[in-house]
Amino acid sequence: EEAEVTALVERVQEWIGQGVRPSEIAICTRFNILLGRVAAR
């Protein structure tokens, strides 16, 4: 899961680097526990 979250953060940064505004990006998970870890990272 650690590697998954790391790659996810890199993907979001890549989208932002391409000119996508943060508010135009969404991340969803089935449960809030993983969502909290993503938010922290």
Full PDB file with SEQRES, HELIX, SHEET, SSBOND, CRYST1, ORIGX, SCALE, CONECT and MASTER records, all heavy atoms in Angstrom:
SEQRES   1 A   41  GLU GLU ALA GLU VAL THR ALA LEU VAL GLU ARG VAL GLN          
SEQRES   2 A   41  GLU TRP ILE GLY GLN GLY VAL ARG PRO SER GLU ILE ALA          
SEQRES   3 A   41  ILE CYS THR ARG PHE ASN ILE LEU LEU GLY ARG VAL ALA          
SEQRES   4 A   41  ALA ARG                                                      
HELIX    1 AA1 GLU A    2  GLY A   17  1                                  16    
HELIX    2 AA2 PRO A   22  GLU A   24  5                                   3    
HELIX    3 AA3 ASN A   32  ALA A   40  1                                   9    
CRYST1    1.000    1.000    1.000  90.00  90.00  90.00 P 1           1          
ORIGX1      1.000000  0.000000  0.000000        0.00000                         
ORIGX2      0.000000  1.000000  0.000000        0.00000                         
ORIGX3      0.000000  0.000000  1.000000        0.00000                         
SCALE1      1.000000  0.000000  0.000000        0.00000                         
SCALE2      0.000000  1.000000  0.000000        0.00000                         
SCALE3      0.000000  0.000000  1.000000        0.00000                         
ATOM      1  N   GLU A   1       0.831  -1.206   0.000  1.00  0.00           N  
ATOM      2  CA  GLU A   1       0.000   0.000   0.000  1.00  0.00           C  
ATOM      3  C   GLU A   1       0.863   1.252   0.000  1.00  0.00           C  
ATOM      4  O   GLU A   1       0.512   2.265  -0.616  1.00  0.00           O  
ATOM      5  CB  GLU A   1      -0.926  -0.019   1.206  1.00  0.00           C  
ATOM      6  CG  GLU A   1      -1.961   1.094   1.197  1.00  0.00           C  
ATOM      7  CD  GLU A   1      -2.889   1.014   2.384  1.00  0.00           C  
ATOM      8  OE1 GLU A   1      -3.914   0.303   2.285  1.00  0.00           O  
ATOM      9  OE2 GLU A   1      -2.586   1.663   3.416  1.00  0.00           O  
ATOM     10  N   GLU A   2       2.017   1.195   0.683  1.00  0.00           N  
ATOM     11  CA  GLU A   2       2.934   2.330   0.716  1.00  0.00           C  
ATOM     12  C   GLU A   2       3.401   2.691  -0.688  1.00  0.00           C  
ATOM     13  O   GLU A   2       3.411   3.861  -1.081  1.00  0.00           O  
ATOM     14  CB  GLU A   2       4.136   1.992   1.604  1.00  0.00           C  
ATOM     15  CG  GLU A   2       5.217   3.055   1.647  1.00  0.00           C  
ATOM     16  CD  GLU A   2       4.797   4.302   2.404  1.00  0.00           C  
ATOM     17  OE1 GLU A   2       3.812   4.222   3.170  1.00  0.00           O  
ATOM     18  OE2 GLU A   2       5.440   5.354   2.224  1.00  0.00           O  
ATOM     19  N   ALA A   3       3.766   1.682  -1.463  1.00  0.00           N  
ATOM     20  CA  ALA A   3       4.210   1.931  -2.836  1.00  0.00           C  
ATOM     21  C   ALA A   3       3.064   2.468  -3.686  1.00  0.00           C  
ATOM     22  O   ALA A   3       3.265   3.345  -4.548  1.00  0.00           O  
ATOM     23  CB  ALA A   3       4.757   0.638  -3.438  1.00  0.00           C  
ATOM     24  N   GLU A   4       1.858   1.975  -3.442  1.00  0.00           N  
ATOM     25  CA  GLU A   4       0.693   2.448  -4.196  1.00  0.00           C  
ATOM     26  C   GLU A   4       0.427   3.919  -3.937  1.00  0.00           C  
ATOM     27  O   GLU A   4       0.195   4.707  -4.873  1.00  0.00           O  
ATOM     28  CB  GLU A   4      -0.544   1.620  -3.837  1.00  0.00           C  
ATOM     29  CG  GLU A   4      -1.797   2.058  -4.593  1.00  0.00           C  
ATOM     30  CD  GLU A   4      -3.063   1.360  -4.126  1.00  0.00           C  
ATOM     31  OE1 GLU A   4      -2.992   0.587  -3.155  1.00  0.00           O  
ATOM     32  OE2 GLU A   4      -4.133   1.604  -4.724  1.00  0.00           O  
ATOM     33  N   VAL A   5       0.470   4.322  -2.660  1.00  0.00           N  
ATOM     34  CA  VAL A   5       0.197   5.720  -2.315  1.00  0.00           C  
ATOM     35  C   VAL A   5       1.291   6.627  -2.868  1.00  0.00           C  
ATOM     36  O   VAL A   5       1.014   7.729  -3.364  1.00  0.00           O  
ATOM     37  CB  VAL A   5       0.060   5.870  -0.789  1.00  0.00           C  
ATOM     38  CG1 VAL A   5      -0.072   7.348  -0.409  1.00  0.00           C  
ATOM     39  CG2 VAL A   5      -1.145   5.089  -0.280  1.00  0.00           C  
ATOM     40  N   THR A   6       2.549   6.168  -2.815  1.00  0.00           N  
ATOM     41  CA  THR A   6       3.658   6.961  -3.362  1.00  0.00           C  
ATOM     42  C   THR A   6       3.450   7.222  -4.852  1.00  0.00           C  
ATOM     43  O   THR A   6       3.599   8.357  -5.336  1.00  0.00           O  
ATOM     44  CB  THR A   6       4.997   6.234  -3.137  1.00  0.00           C  
ATOM     45  OG1 THR A   6       5.226   6.096  -1.724  1.00  0.00           O  
ATOM     46  CG2 THR A   6       6.146   7.013  -3.758  1.00  0.00           C  
ATOM     47  N   ALA A   7       3.094   6.179  -5.596  1.00  0.00           N  
ATOM     48  CA  ALA A   7       2.865   6.326  -7.032  1.00  0.00           C  
ATOM     49  C   ALA A   7       1.656   7.216  -7.313  1.00  0.00           C  
ATOM     50  O   ALA A   7       1.650   7.988  -8.284  1.00  0.00           O  
ATOM     51  CB  ALA A   7       2.665   4.950  -7.668  1.00  0.00           C  
ATOM     52  N   LEU A   8       0.648   7.125  -6.458  1.00  0.00           N  
ATOM     53  CA  LEU A   8      -0.551   7.941  -6.636  1.00  0.00           C  
ATOM     54  C   LEU A   8      -0.225   9.428  -6.483  1.00  0.00           C  
ATOM     55  O   LEU A   8      -0.686  10.262  -7.277  1.00  0.00           O  
ATOM     56  CB  LEU A   8      -1.615   7.526  -5.620  1.00  0.00           C  
ATOM     57  CG  LEU A   8      -2.918   8.327  -5.592  1.00  0.00           C  
ATOM     58  CD1 LEU A   8      -3.590   8.318  -6.956  1.00  0.00           C  
ATOM     59  CD2 LEU A   8      -3.866   7.768  -4.536  1.00  0.00           C  
ATOM     60  N   VAL A   9       0.577   9.761  -5.473  1.00  0.00           N  
ATOM     61  CA  VAL A   9       0.978  11.158  -5.276  1.00  0.00           C  
ATOM     62  C   VAL A   9       1.753  11.660  -6.496  1.00  0.00           C  
ATOM     63  O   VAL A   9       1.544  12.788  -6.970  1.00  0.00           O  
ATOM     64  CB  VAL A   9       1.815  11.301  -3.993  1.00  0.00           C  
ATOM     65  CG1 VAL A   9       2.412  12.710  -3.889  1.00  0.00           C  
ATOM     66  CG2 VAL A   9       0.966  10.991  -2.762  1.00  0.00           C  
ATOM     67  N   GLU A  10       2.628  10.810  -7.028  1.00  0.00           N  
ATOM     68  CA  GLU A  10       3.400  11.207  -8.212  1.00  0.00           C  
ATOM     69  C   GLU A  10       2.483  11.434  -9.411  1.00  0.00           C  
ATOM     70  O   GLU A  10       2.702  12.364 -10.199  1.00  0.00           O  
ATOM     71  CB  GLU A  10       4.438  10.117  -8.531  1.00  0.00           C  
ATOM     72  CG  GLU A  10       5.547  10.016  -7.488  1.00  0.00           C  
ATOM     73  CD  GLU A  10       6.472   8.835  -7.738  1.00  0.00           C  
ATOM     74  OE1 GLU A  10       6.171   8.034  -8.663  1.00  0.00           O  
ATOM     75  OE2 GLU A  10       7.480   8.707  -7.020  1.00  0.00           O  
ATOM     76  N   ARG A  11       1.453  10.609  -9.554  1.00  0.00           N  
ATOM     77  CA  ARG A  11       0.521  10.786 -10.670  1.00  0.00           C  
ATOM     78  C   ARG A  11      -0.241  12.102 -10.550  1.00  0.00           C  
ATOM     79  O   ARG A  11      -0.428  12.818 -11.540  1.00  0.00           O  
ATOM     80  CB  ARG A  11      -0.452   9.600 -10.729  1.00  0.00           C  
ATOM     81  CG  ARG A  11      -1.515   9.687 -11.830  1.00  0.00           C  
ATOM     82  CD  ARG A  11      -0.914   9.893 -13.213  1.00  0.00           C  
ATOM     83  NE  ARG A  11      -0.017   8.828 -13.587  1.00  0.00           N  
ATOM     84  CZ  ARG A  11      -0.286   7.904 -14.495  1.00  0.00           C  
ATOM     85  NH1 ARG A  11      -1.445   7.920 -15.127  1.00  0.00           N  
ATOM     86  NH2 ARG A  11       0.603   6.979 -14.795  1.00  0.00           N  
ATOM     87  N   VAL A  12      -0.673  12.446  -9.332  1.00  0.00           N  
ATOM     88  CA  VAL A  12      -1.382  13.708  -9.118  1.00  0.00           C  
ATOM     89  C   VAL A  12      -0.471  14.887  -9.444  1.00  0.00           C  
ATOM     90  O   VAL A  12      -0.884  15.857 -10.101  1.00  0.00           O  
ATOM     91  CB  VAL A  12      -1.896  13.794  -7.669  1.00  0.00           C  
ATOM     92  CG1 VAL A  12      -2.424  15.196  -7.371  1.00  0.00           C  
ATOM     93  CG2 VAL A  12      -2.991  12.762  -7.428  1.00  0.00           C  
ATOM     94  N   GLN A  13       0.781  14.823  -8.997  1.00  0.00           N  
ATOM     95  CA  GLN A  13       1.733  15.902  -9.297  1.00  0.00           C  
ATOM     96  C   GLN A  13       1.971  16.015 -10.799  1.00  0.00           C  
ATOM     97  O   GLN A  13       2.140  17.124 -11.332  1.00  0.00           O  
ATOM     98  CB  GLN A  13       3.047  15.639  -8.560  1.00  0.00           C  
ATOM     99  CG  GLN A  13       2.944  15.788  -7.044  1.00  0.00           C  
ATOM    100  CD  GLN A  13       4.209  15.375  -6.327  1.00  0.00           C  
ATOM    101  OE1 GLN A  13       4.869  14.398  -6.712  1.00  0.00           O  
ATOM    102  NE2 GLN A  13       4.564  16.102  -5.275  1.00  0.00           N  
ATOM    103  N   GLU A  14       1.978  14.880 -11.489  1.00  0.00           N  
ATOM    104  CA  GLU A  14       2.140  14.889 -12.944  1.00  0.00           C  
ATOM    105  C   GLU A  14       0.960  15.593 -13.610  1.00  0.00           C  
ATOM    106  O   GLU A  14       1.152  16.409 -14.523  1.00  0.00           O  
ATOM    107  CB  GLU A  14       2.256  13.447 -13.436  1.00  0.00           C  
ATOM    108  CG  GLU A  14       2.422  13.305 -14.941  1.00  0.00           C  
ATOM    109  CD  GLU A  14       2.461  11.854 -15.378  1.00  0.00           C  
ATOM    110  OE1 GLU A  14       2.972  11.023 -14.602  1.00  0.00           O  
ATOM    111  OE2 GLU A  14       1.965  11.549 -16.488  1.00  0.00           O  
ATOM    112  N   TRP A  15      -0.276  15.294 -13.170  1.00  0.00           N  
ATOM    113  CA  TRP A  15      -1.453  15.969 -13.725  1.00  0.00           C  
ATOM    114  C   TRP A  15      -1.382  17.473 -13.501  1.00  0.00           C  
ATOM    115  O   TRP A  15      -1.659  18.262 -14.404  1.00  0.00           O  
ATOM    116  CB  TRP A  15      -2.726  15.396 -13.090  1.00  0.00           C  
ATOM    117  CG  TRP A  15      -3.128  14.060 -13.628  1.00  0.00           C  
ATOM    118  CD1 TRP A  15      -2.815  13.540 -14.857  1.00  0.00           C  
ATOM    119  CD2 TRP A  15      -3.914  13.065 -12.956  1.00  0.00           C  
ATOM    120  NE1 TRP A  15      -3.366  12.281 -14.991  1.00  0.00           N  
ATOM    121  CE2 TRP A  15      -4.049  11.969 -13.857  1.00  0.00           C  
ATOM    122  CE3 TRP A  15      -4.527  13.000 -11.709  1.00  0.00           C  
ATOM    123  CZ2 TRP A  15      -4.764  10.824 -13.513  1.00  0.00           C  
ATOM    124  CZ3 TRP A  15      -5.245  11.862 -11.375  1.00  0.00           C  
ATOM    125  CH2 TRP A  15      -5.354  10.780 -12.267  1.00  0.00           C  
ATOM    126  N   ILE A  16      -1.032  17.869 -12.289  1.00  0.00           N  
ATOM    127  CA  ILE A  16      -0.939  19.301 -11.978  1.00  0.00           C  
ATOM    128  C   ILE A  16       0.135  19.951 -12.852  1.00  0.00           C  
ATOM    129  O   ILE A  16      -0.045  21.073 -13.350  1.00  0.00           O  
ATOM    130  CB  ILE A  16      -0.651  19.506 -10.478  1.00  0.00           C  
ATOM    131  CG1 ILE A  16      -1.857  19.025  -9.648  1.00  0.00           C  
ATOM    132  CG2 ILE A  16      -0.347  20.972 -10.179  1.00  0.00           C  
ATOM    133  CD1 ILE A  16      -1.612  19.041  -8.156  1.00  0.00           C  
ATOM    134  N   GLY A  17       1.260  19.241 -13.053  1.00  0.00           N  
ATOM    135  CA  GLY A  17       2.322  19.761 -13.907  1.00  0.00           C  
ATOM    136  C   GLY A  17       1.896  19.934 -15.345  1.00  0.00           C  
ATOM    137  O   GLY A  17       2.474  20.741 -16.086  1.00  0.00           O  
ATOM    138  N   GLN A  18       0.860  19.204 -15.758  1.00  0.00           N  
ATOM    139  CA  GLN A  18       0.341  19.324 -17.125  1.00  0.00           C  
ATOM    140  C   GLN A  18      -0.701  20.436 -17.258  1.00  0.00           C  
ATOM    141  O   GLN A  18      -1.282  20.601 -18.327  1.00  0.00           O  
ATOM    142  CB  GLN A  18      -0.276  17.989 -17.551  1.00  0.00           C  
ATOM    143  CG  GLN A  18       0.747  16.867 -17.689  1.00  0.00           C  
ATOM    144  CD  GLN A  18       0.100  15.500 -17.867  1.00  0.00           C  
ATOM    145  OE1 GLN A  18      -1.117  15.355 -17.714  1.00  0.00           O  
ATOM    146  NE2 GLN A  18       0.906  14.495 -18.185  1.00  0.00           N  
ATOM    147  N   GLY A  19      -0.934  21.161 -16.170  1.00  0.00           N  
ATOM    148  CA  GLY A  19      -1.861  22.288 -16.231  1.00  0.00           C  
ATOM    149  C   GLY A  19      -3.246  22.024 -15.686  1.00  0.00           C  
ATOM    150  O   GLY A  19      -4.131  22.887 -15.773  1.00  0.00           O  
ATOM    151  N   VAL A  20      -3.463  20.837 -15.116  1.00  0.00           N  
ATOM    152  CA  VAL A  20      -4.764  20.526 -14.520  1.00  0.00           C  
ATOM    153  C   VAL A  20      -4.822  21.147 -13.126  1.00  0.00           C  
ATOM    154  O   VAL A  20      -3.914  20.943 -12.316  1.00  0.00           O  
ATOM    155  CB  VAL A  20      -4.987  18.998 -14.421  1.00  0.00           C  
ATOM    156  CG1 VAL A  20      -6.358  18.700 -13.830  1.00  0.00           C  
ATOM    157  CG2 VAL A  20      -4.842  18.360 -15.794  1.00  0.00           C  
ATOM    158  N   ARG A  21      -5.876  21.890 -12.841  1.00  0.00           N  
ATOM    159  CA  ARG A  21      -6.010  22.494 -11.513  1.00  0.00           C  
ATOM    160  C   ARG A  21      -6.321  21.412 -10.479  1.00  0.00           C  
ATOM    161  O   ARG A  21      -7.037  20.449 -10.779  1.00  0.00           O  
ATOM    162  CB  ARG A  21      -7.121  23.548 -11.504  1.00  0.00           C  
ATOM    163  CG  ARG A  21      -6.819  24.764 -12.370  1.00  0.00           C  
ATOM    164  CD  ARG A  21      -7.788  25.909 -12.065  1.00  0.00           C  
ATOM    165  NE  ARG A  21      -9.163  25.531 -12.314  1.00  0.00           N  
ATOM    166  CZ  ARG A  21      -9.785  25.682 -13.479  1.00  0.00           C  
ATOM    167  NH1 ARG A  21      -9.125  26.194 -14.516  1.00  0.00           N  
ATOM    168  NH2 ARG A  21     -11.044  25.325 -13.627  1.00  0.00           N  
ATOM    169  N   PRO A  22      -5.813  21.567  -9.250  1.00  0.00           N  
ATOM    170  CA  PRO A  22      -6.108  20.561  -8.210  1.00  0.00           C  
ATOM    171  C   PRO A  22      -7.596  20.293  -8.039  1.00  0.00           C  
ATOM    172  O   PRO A  22      -8.003  19.152  -7.818  1.00  0.00           O  
ATOM    173  CB  PRO A  22      -5.492  21.186  -6.946  1.00  0.00           C  
ATOM    174  CG  PRO A  22      -4.354  22.011  -7.467  1.00  0.00           C  
ATOM    175  CD  PRO A  22      -4.850  22.587  -8.767  1.00  0.00           C  
ATOM    176  N   SER A  23      -8.435  21.326  -8.165  1.00  0.00           N  
ATOM    177  CA  SER A  23      -9.877  21.152  -7.986  1.00  0.00           C  
ATOM    178  C   SER A  23     -10.511  20.341  -9.107  1.00  0.00           C  
ATOM    179  O   SER A  23     -11.665  19.921  -9.001  1.00  0.00           O  
ATOM    180  CB  SER A  23     -10.570  22.514  -7.893  1.00  0.00           C  
ATOM    181  OG  SER A  23     -10.360  23.265  -9.079  1.00  0.00           O  
ATOM    182  N   GLU A  24      -9.763  20.108 -10.207  1.00  0.00           N  
ATOM    183  CA  GLU A  24     -10.261  19.303 -11.320  1.00  0.00           C  
ATOM    184  C   GLU A  24      -9.821  17.840 -11.214  1.00  0.00           C  
ATOM    185  O   GLU A  24     -10.036  17.066 -12.128  1.00  0.00           O  
ATOM    186  CB  GLU A  24      -9.773  19.885 -12.649  1.00  0.00           C  
ATOM    187  CG  GLU A  24     -10.288  21.283 -12.933  1.00  0.00           C  
ATOM    188  CD  GLU A  24      -9.695  21.888 -14.183  1.00  0.00           C  
ATOM    189  OE1 GLU A  24      -8.467  21.766 -14.392  1.00  0.00           O  
ATOM    190  OE2 GLU A  24     -10.456  22.476 -14.973  1.00  0.00           O  
ATOM    191  N   ILE A  25      -9.203  17.499 -10.079  1.00  0.00           N  
ATOM    192  CA  ILE A  25      -8.705  16.147  -9.833  1.00  0.00           C  
ATOM    193  C   ILE A  25      -9.456  15.552  -8.650  1.00  0.00           C  
ATOM    194  O   ILE A  25      -9.702  16.230  -7.654  1.00  0.00           O  
ATOM    195  CB  ILE A  25      -7.189  16.163  -9.534  1.00  0.00           C  
ATOM    196  CG1 ILE A  25      -6.420  16.737 -10.726  1.00  0.00           C  
ATOM    197  CG2 ILE A  25      -6.685  14.769  -9.179  1.00  0.00           C  
ATOM    198  CD1 ILE A  25      -4.950  16.986 -10.439  1.00  0.00           C  
ATOM    199  N   ALA A  26      -9.813  14.285  -8.741  1.00  0.00           N  
ATOM    200  CA  ALA A  26     -10.462  13.596  -7.621  1.00  0.00           C  
ATOM    201  C   ALA A  26      -9.769  12.266  -7.364  1.00  0.00           C  
ATOM    202  O   ALA A  26      -9.321  11.598  -8.301  1.00  0.00           O  
ATOM    203  CB  ALA A  26     -11.940  13.358  -7.905  1.00  0.00           C  
ATOM    204  N   ILE A  27      -9.676  11.914  -6.083  1.00  0.00           N  
ATOM    205  CA  ILE A  27      -9.167  10.608  -5.676  1.00  0.00           C  
ATOM    206  C   ILE A  27     -10.244   9.959  -4.825  1.00  0.00           C  
ATOM    207  O   ILE A  27     -10.771  10.577  -3.891  1.00  0.00           O  
ATOM    208  CB  ILE A  27      -7.868  10.734  -4.863  1.00  0.00           C  
ATOM    209  CG1 ILE A  27      -6.775  11.397  -5.700  1.00  0.00           C  
ATOM    210  CG2 ILE A  27      -7.403   9.358  -4.369  1.00  0.00           C  
ATOM    211  CD1 ILE A  27      -5.523  11.710  -4.915  1.00  0.00           C  
ATOM    212  N   CYS A  28     -10.583   8.717  -5.155  1.00  0.00           N  
ATOM    213  CA  CYS A  28     -11.593   8.028  -4.362  1.00  0.00           C  
ATOM    214  C   CYS A  28     -11.109   6.641  -3.962  1.00  0.00           C  
ATOM    215  O   CYS A  28     -10.317   6.016  -4.676  1.00  0.00           O  
ATOM    216  CB  CYS A  28     -12.931   7.953  -5.091  1.00  0.00           C  
ATOM    217  SG  CYS A  28     -12.927   6.904  -6.550  1.00  0.00           S  
ATOM    218  N   THR A  29     -11.561   6.203  -2.802  1.00  0.00           N  
ATOM    219  CA  THR A  29     -11.254   4.875  -2.292  1.00  0.00           C  
ATOM    220  C   THR A  29     -12.538   4.277  -1.740  1.00  0.00           C  
ATOM    221  O   THR A  29     -13.514   4.991  -1.505  1.00  0.00           O  
ATOM    222  CB  THR A  29     -10.205   4.934  -1.169  1.00  0.00           C  
ATOM    223  OG1 THR A  29     -10.737   5.712  -0.083  1.00  0.00           O  
ATOM    224  CG2 THR A  29      -8.912   5.574  -1.656  1.00  0.00           C  
ATOM    225  N   ARG A  30     -12.528   2.980  -1.484  1.00  0.00           N  
ATOM    226  CA  ARG A  30     -13.723   2.353  -0.923  1.00  0.00           C  
ATOM    227  C   ARG A  30     -13.916   2.763   0.545  1.00  0.00           C  
ATOM    228  O   ARG A  30     -15.033   2.960   1.006  1.00  0.00           O  
ATOM    229  CB  ARG A  30     -13.626   0.829  -1.038  1.00  0.00           C  
ATOM    230  CG  ARG A  30     -14.842   0.081  -0.474  1.00  0.00           C  
ATOM    231  CD  ARG A  30     -16.092   0.468  -1.259  1.00  0.00           C  
ATOM    232  NE  ARG A  30     -17.304  -0.017  -0.633  1.00  0.00           N  
ATOM    233  CZ  ARG A  30     -17.883  -1.187  -0.881  1.00  0.00           C  
ATOM    234  NH1 ARG A  30     -17.332  -2.001  -1.752  1.00  0.00           N  
ATOM    235  NH2 ARG A  30     -18.995  -1.532  -0.294  1.00  0.00           N  
ATOM    236  N   PHE A  31     -12.786   2.911   1.273  1.00  0.00           N  
ATOM    237  CA  PHE A  31     -12.866   3.176   2.708  1.00  0.00           C  
ATOM    238  C   PHE A  31     -12.099   4.437   3.089  1.00  0.00           C  
ATOM    239  O   PHE A  31     -11.125   4.823   2.432  1.00  0.00           O  
ATOM    240  CB  PHE A  31     -12.324   1.980   3.501  1.00  0.00           C  
ATOM    241  CG  PHE A  31     -12.967   0.675   3.141  1.00  0.00           C  
ATOM    242  CD1 PHE A  31     -12.225  -0.340   2.536  1.00  0.00           C  
ATOM    243  CD2 PHE A  31     -14.308   0.459   3.372  1.00  0.00           C  
ATOM    244  CE1 PHE A  31     -12.815  -1.535   2.188  1.00  0.00           C  
ATOM    245  CE2 PHE A  31     -14.917  -0.730   3.019  1.00  0.00           C  
ATOM    246  CZ  PHE A  31     -14.165  -1.728   2.425  1.00  0.00           C  
ATOM    247  N   ASN A  32     -12.518   5.057   4.182  1.00  0.00           N  
ATOM    248  CA  ASN A  32     -11.912   6.304   4.639  1.00  0.00           C  
ATOM    249  C   ASN A  32     -10.498   6.125   5.179  1.00  0.00           C  
ATOM    250  O   ASN A  32      -9.719   7.082   5.190  1.00  0.00           O  
ATOM    251  CB  ASN A  32     -12.792   6.947   5.711  1.00  0.00           C  
ATOM    252  CG  ASN A  32     -13.952   7.717   5.100  1.00  0.00           C  
ATOM    253  OD1 ASN A  32     -13.752   8.584   4.254  1.00  0.00           O  
ATOM    254  ND2 ASN A  32     -15.172   7.385   5.517  1.00  0.00           N  
ATOM    255  N   ILE A  33     -10.150   4.916   5.639  1.00  0.00           N  
ATOM    256  CA  ILE A  33      -8.810   4.708   6.207  1.00  0.00           C  
ATOM    257  C   ILE A  33      -7.734   4.984   5.163  1.00  0.00           C  
ATOM    258  O   ILE A  33      -6.791   5.751   5.396  1.00  0.00           O  
ATOM    259  CB  ILE A  33      -8.678   3.275   6.763  1.00  0.00           C  
ATOM    260  CG1 ILE A  33      -9.601   3.087   7.970  1.00  0.00           C  
ATOM    261  CG2 ILE A  33      -7.230   2.979   7.152  1.00  0.00           C  
ATOM    262  CD1 ILE A  33      -9.602   1.677   8.521  1.00  0.00           C  
ATOM    263  N   LEU A  34      -7.870   4.363   3.986  1.00  0.00           N  
ATOM    264  CA  LEU A  34      -6.902   4.602   2.915  1.00  0.00           C  
ATOM    265  C   LEU A  34      -6.980   6.049   2.436  1.00  0.00           C  
ATOM    266  O   LEU A  34      -5.953   6.666   2.128  1.00  0.00           O  
ATOM    267  CB  LEU A  34      -7.155   3.639   1.759  1.00  0.00           C  
ATOM    268  CG  LEU A  34      -6.258   3.815   0.522  1.00  0.00           C  
ATOM    269  CD1 LEU A  34      -4.790   3.720   0.892  1.00  0.00           C  
ATOM    270  CD2 LEU A  34      -6.612   2.778  -0.550  1.00  0.00           C  
ATOM    271  N   LEU A  35      -8.168   6.608   2.394  1.00  0.00           N  
ATOM    272  CA  LEU A  35      -8.327   7.990   1.947  1.00  0.00           C  
ATOM    273  C   LEU A  35      -7.561   8.933   2.869  1.00  0.00           C  
ATOM    274  O   LEU A  35      -6.942   9.899   2.412  1.00  0.00           O  
ATOM    275  CB  LEU A  35      -9.813   8.355   1.920  1.00  0.00           C  
ATOM    276  CG  LEU A  35     -10.208   9.553   1.057  1.00  0.00           C  
ATOM    277  CD1 LEU A  35      -9.891   9.290  -0.413  1.00  0.00           C  
ATOM    278  CD2 LEU A  35     -11.692   9.851   1.215  1.00  0.00           C  
ATOM    279  N   GLY A  36      -7.589   8.645   4.169  1.00  0.00           N  
ATOM    280  CA  GLY A  36      -6.849   9.463   5.126  1.00  0.00           C  
ATOM    281  C   GLY A  36      -5.346   9.397   4.895  1.00  0.00           C  
ATOM    282  O   GLY A  36      -4.641  10.410   5.004  1.00  0.00           O  
ATOM    283  N   ARG A  37      -4.840   8.197   4.566  1.00  0.00           N  
ATOM    284  CA  ARG A  37      -3.404   8.064   4.294  1.00  0.00           C  
ATOM    285  C   ARG A  37      -3.010   8.819   3.038  1.00  0.00           C  
ATOM    286  O   ARG A  37      -1.949   9.451   2.978  1.00  0.00           O  
ATOM    287  CB  ARG A  37      -3.055   6.585   4.162  1.00  0.00           C  
ATOM    288  CG  ARG A  37      -3.181   5.817   5.478  1.00  0.00           C  
ATOM    289  CD  ARG A  37      -3.074   4.326   5.269  1.00  0.00           C  
ATOM    290  NE  ARG A  37      -3.280   3.617   6.528  1.00  0.00           N  
ATOM    291  CZ  ARG A  37      -3.607   2.344   6.625  1.00  0.00           C  
ATOM    292  NH1 ARG A  37      -3.783   1.619   5.520  1.00  0.00           N  
ATOM    293  NH2 ARG A  37      -3.771   1.776   7.811  1.00  0.00           N  
ATOM    294  N   VAL A  38      -3.867   8.774   2.031  1.00  0.00           N  
ATOM    295  CA  VAL A  38      -3.603   9.514   0.794  1.00  0.00           C  
ATOM    296  C   VAL A  38      -3.586  11.014   1.079  1.00  0.00           C  
ATOM    297  O   VAL A  38      -2.710  11.742   0.595  1.00  0.00           O  
ATOM    298  CB  VAL A  38      -4.661   9.176  -0.273  1.00  0.00           C  
ATOM    299  CG1 VAL A  38      -4.534  10.105  -1.473  1.00  0.00           C  
ATOM    300  CG2 VAL A  38      -4.541   7.725  -0.706  1.00  0.00           C  
ATOM    301  N   ALA A  39      -4.551  11.476   1.879  1.00  0.00           N  
ATOM    302  CA  ALA A  39      -4.618  12.908   2.215  1.00  0.00           C  
ATOM    303  C   ALA A  39      -3.354  13.364   2.924  1.00  0.00           C  
ATOM    304  O   ALA A  39      -2.803  14.441   2.623  1.00  0.00           O  
ATOM    305  CB  ALA A  39      -5.848  13.167   3.093  1.00  0.00           C  
ATOM    306  N   ALA A  40      -2.872  12.554   3.862  1.00  0.00           N  
ATOM    307  CA  ALA A  40      -1.670  12.921   4.615  1.00  0.00           C  
ATOM    308  C   ALA A  40      -0.453  13.014   3.701  1.00  0.00           C  
ATOM    309  O   ALA A  40       0.356  13.957   3.804  1.00  0.00           O  
ATOM    310  CB  ALA A  40      -1.434  11.908   5.731  1.00  0.00           C  
ATOM    311  N   ARG A  41      -0.311  12.056   2.776  1.00  0.00           N  
ATOM    312  CA  ARG A  41       0.848  12.063   1.882  1.00  0.00           C  
ATOM    313  C   ARG A  41       0.786  13.229   0.893  1.00  0.00           C  
ATOM    314  O   ARG A  41       1.814  13.837   0.570  1.00  0.00           O  
ATOM    315  CB  ARG A  41       0.916  10.732   1.131  1.00  0.00           C  
ATOM    316  CG  ARG A  41       1.332   9.561   2.007  1.00  0.00           C  
ATOM    317  CD  ARG A  41       2.806   9.662   2.414  1.00  0.00           C  
ATOM    318  NE  ARG A  41       3.659   9.635   1.247  1.00  0.00           N  
ATOM    319  CZ  ARG A  41       4.035   8.514   0.631  1.00  0.00           C  
ATOM    320  NH1 ARG A  41       3.648   7.340   1.109  1.00  0.00           N  
ATOM    321  NH2 ARG A  41       4.811   8.568  -0.431  1.00  0.00           N  
TER     322      ARG A  41                                                      
MASTER        0    0    0    3    0    0    0    6  321    1    0    4          
END                                                                             
